[in-house]
Amino acid sequence: MAKKQQKKLIVKQVRSKIGHNQNQKRTLEALGLRRIGHSVEKNNNPEIWGMINVVKHLVTVEEV
């Protein structure tokens, strides 16, 4: 039996972290985002969605 392929998310930073609180800055770093326009591919799971919800005004999310 083959394992199910887990869906992926592409998370892209579209706004600056300057002027936002430390929790939001650390969440962006934990997601692997460094600068505006930078994007990362993450697994689609509840932990990642929790992090995205903290910085939803700074990022865009696309399912692959």
N, C-alpha and C. Protein backbone atom coordinates (compact mmCIF):
# COMPACT_ATOMS: atom_id res chain seq x y z
N MET A 1 0.82 -1.19 0.00
CA MET A 1 0.00 0.00 0.00
C MET A 1 0.87 1.25 0.00
N ALA A 2 0.47 2.20 -0.79
CA ALA A 2 1.20 3.46 -0.84
C ALA A 2 0.65 4.41 0.21
N LYS A 3 1.55 5.22 0.74
CA LYS A 3 1.12 6.23 1.71
C LYS A 3 0.34 7.32 0.98
N LYS A 4 -0.60 7.92 1.70
CA LYS A 4 -1.33 9.05 1.13
C LYS A 4 -0.39 10.24 1.05
N GLN A 5 -0.47 10.93 -0.06
CA GLN A 5 0.30 12.15 -0.19
C GLN A 5 -0.40 13.26 0.57
N GLN A 6 0.33 13.88 1.49
CA GLN A 6 -0.25 14.98 2.25
C GLN A 6 -0.20 16.24 1.39
N LYS A 7 -1.27 17.00 1.40
CA LYS A 7 -1.30 18.23 0.62
C LYS A 7 -0.29 19.23 1.19
N LYS A 8 0.20 20.06 0.31
CA LYS A 8 1.19 21.07 0.68
C LYS A 8 0.57 22.45 0.59
N LEU A 9 1.16 23.37 1.34
CA LEU A 9 0.77 24.77 1.31
C LEU A 9 1.97 25.59 0.88
N ILE A 10 1.73 26.61 0.09
CA ILE A 10 2.77 27.58 -0.19
C ILE A 10 2.39 28.85 0.57
N VAL A 11 3.26 29.23 1.49
CA VAL A 11 3.03 30.41 2.32
C VAL A 11 4.00 31.49 1.85
N LYS A 12 3.46 32.65 1.50
CA LYS A 12 4.28 33.74 0.97
C LYS A 12 4.09 34.99 1.82
N GLN A 13 5.20 35.60 2.21
CA GLN A 13 5.13 36.83 2.98
C GLN A 13 4.88 37.99 2.03
N VAL A 14 3.82 38.77 2.31
CA VAL A 14 3.46 39.88 1.41
C VAL A 14 3.54 41.24 2.10
N ARG A 15 3.71 41.25 3.43
CA ARG A 15 3.83 42.51 4.15
C ARG A 15 4.99 42.42 5.12
N SER A 16 5.51 43.57 5.51
CA SER A 16 6.67 43.64 6.39
C SER A 16 6.31 43.31 7.83
N LYS A 17 7.28 42.76 8.55
CA LYS A 17 7.08 42.46 9.97
C LYS A 17 7.43 43.66 10.85
N ILE A 18 7.98 44.72 10.25
CA ILE A 18 8.34 45.92 11.01
C ILE A 18 7.08 46.53 11.60
N GLY A 19 7.13 46.86 12.88
CA GLY A 19 6.00 47.49 13.55
C GLY A 19 5.02 46.51 14.16
N HIS A 20 5.28 45.22 14.03
CA HIS A 20 4.40 44.22 14.62
C HIS A 20 5.07 43.63 15.87
N ASN A 21 4.28 42.97 16.69
CA ASN A 21 4.81 42.50 17.96
C ASN A 21 5.77 41.32 17.80
N GLN A 22 6.53 41.05 18.85
CA GLN A 22 7.57 40.04 18.82
C GLN A 22 7.03 38.65 18.52
N ASN A 23 5.83 38.34 19.00
CA ASN A 23 5.22 37.03 18.74
C ASN A 23 5.02 36.81 17.24
N GLN A 24 4.55 37.83 16.55
CA GLN A 24 4.33 37.71 15.11
C GLN A 24 5.64 37.61 14.34
N LYS A 25 6.67 38.33 14.77
CA LYS A 25 7.98 38.25 14.13
C LYS A 25 8.57 36.86 14.30
N ARG A 26 8.46 36.30 15.49
CA ARG A 26 8.98 34.96 15.74
C ARG A 26 8.20 33.90 14.98
N THR A 27 6.91 34.10 14.79
CA THR A 27 6.10 33.15 14.03
C THR A 27 6.53 33.14 12.57
N LEU A 28 6.80 34.31 12.01
CA LEU A 28 7.30 34.37 10.63
C LEU A 28 8.62 33.63 10.50
N GLU A 29 9.52 33.81 11.48
CA GLU A 29 10.80 33.12 11.46
C GLU A 29 10.61 31.61 11.58
N ALA A 30 9.66 31.19 12.42
CA ALA A 30 9.40 29.76 12.59
C ALA A 30 8.83 29.14 11.31
N LEU A 31 8.09 29.91 10.56
CA LEU A 31 7.58 29.44 9.27
C LEU A 31 8.68 29.41 8.21
N GLY A 32 9.79 30.08 8.47
CA GLY A 32 10.89 30.10 7.52
C GLY A 32 10.85 31.29 6.58
N LEU A 33 10.03 32.28 6.90
CA LEU A 33 9.91 33.46 6.04
C LEU A 33 10.88 34.54 6.51
N ARG A 34 11.61 35.13 5.57
CA ARG A 34 12.67 36.07 5.92
C ARG A 34 12.42 37.48 5.43
N ARG A 35 11.75 37.60 4.28
CA ARG A 35 11.57 38.92 3.69
C ARG A 35 10.30 38.94 2.83
N ILE A 36 9.88 40.12 2.43
CA ILE A 36 8.70 40.25 1.59
C ILE A 36 8.98 39.57 0.26
N GLY A 37 8.02 38.78 -0.21
CA GLY A 37 8.17 38.06 -1.46
C GLY A 37 8.74 36.66 -1.29
N HIS A 38 9.24 36.34 -0.12
CA HIS A 38 9.81 35.01 0.15
C HIS A 38 8.67 34.03 0.37
N SER A 39 8.79 32.83 -0.20
CA SER A 39 7.75 31.83 -0.02
C SER A 39 8.38 30.50 0.40
N VAL A 40 7.62 29.72 1.16
CA VAL A 40 8.06 28.41 1.63
C VAL A 40 6.94 27.41 1.41
N GLU A 41 7.30 26.14 1.30
CA GLU A 41 6.33 25.08 1.14
C GLU A 41 6.24 24.31 2.46
N LYS A 42 5.04 24.17 2.99
CA LYS A 42 4.82 23.50 4.27
C LYS A 42 3.75 22.43 4.10
N ASN A 43 3.76 21.45 5.00
CA ASN A 43 2.71 20.44 5.02
C ASN A 43 1.42 21.06 5.52
N ASN A 44 0.30 20.54 5.06
CA ASN A 44 -1.01 21.03 5.47
C ASN A 44 -1.42 20.28 6.73
N ASN A 45 -1.15 20.91 7.90
CA ASN A 45 -1.55 20.31 9.17
C ASN A 45 -2.00 21.40 10.14
N PRO A 46 -2.65 21.02 11.23
CA PRO A 46 -3.20 22.02 12.16
C PRO A 46 -2.16 22.92 12.79
N GLU A 47 -0.96 22.42 13.02
CA GLU A 47 0.09 23.24 13.63
C GLU A 47 0.48 24.40 12.72
N ILE A 48 0.63 24.12 11.45
CA ILE A 48 0.99 25.16 10.49
C ILE A 48 -0.15 26.16 10.35
N TRP A 49 -1.39 25.68 10.32
CA TRP A 49 -2.54 26.60 10.21
C TRP A 49 -2.64 27.50 11.43
N GLY A 50 -2.27 27.01 12.61
CA GLY A 50 -2.26 27.85 13.81
C GLY A 50 -1.25 28.97 13.68
N MET A 51 -0.08 28.66 13.12
CA MET A 51 0.95 29.68 12.91
C MET A 51 0.50 30.68 11.85
N ILE A 52 -0.15 30.19 10.80
CA ILE A 52 -0.63 31.08 9.75
C ILE A 52 -1.68 32.03 10.29
N ASN A 53 -2.55 31.56 11.17
CA ASN A 53 -3.59 32.41 11.73
C ASN A 53 -3.02 33.56 12.56
N VAL A 54 -1.85 33.36 13.15
CA VAL A 54 -1.22 34.43 13.94
C VAL A 54 -0.75 35.56 13.03
N VAL A 55 -0.30 35.22 11.82
CA VAL A 55 0.26 36.23 10.91
C VAL A 55 -0.54 36.32 9.60
N LYS A 56 -1.82 36.03 9.66
CA LYS A 56 -2.63 35.99 8.43
C LYS A 56 -2.69 37.32 7.70
N HIS A 57 -2.45 38.42 8.39
CA HIS A 57 -2.46 39.73 7.74
C HIS A 57 -1.13 40.04 7.05
N LEU A 58 -0.12 39.19 7.24
CA LEU A 58 1.21 39.41 6.65
C LEU A 58 1.54 38.43 5.53
N VAL A 59 0.72 37.37 5.37
CA VAL A 59 1.05 36.31 4.42
C VAL A 59 -0.15 35.97 3.53
N THR A 60 0.14 35.26 2.44
CA THR A 60 -0.89 34.64 1.62
C THR A 60 -0.63 33.14 1.61
N VAL A 61 -1.68 32.36 1.46
CA VAL A 61 -1.57 30.90 1.49
C VAL A 61 -2.22 30.33 0.25
N GLU A 62 -1.54 29.35 -0.35
CA GLU A 62 -2.05 28.69 -1.54
C GLU A 62 -1.85 27.19 -1.39
N GLU A 63 -2.90 26.40 -1.68
CA GLU A 63 -2.77 24.94 -1.61
C GLU A 63 -2.20 24.41 -2.92
N VAL A 64 -1.34 23.40 -2.79
CA VAL A 64 -0.74 22.77 -3.97
C VAL A 64 -1.29 21.38 -4.12
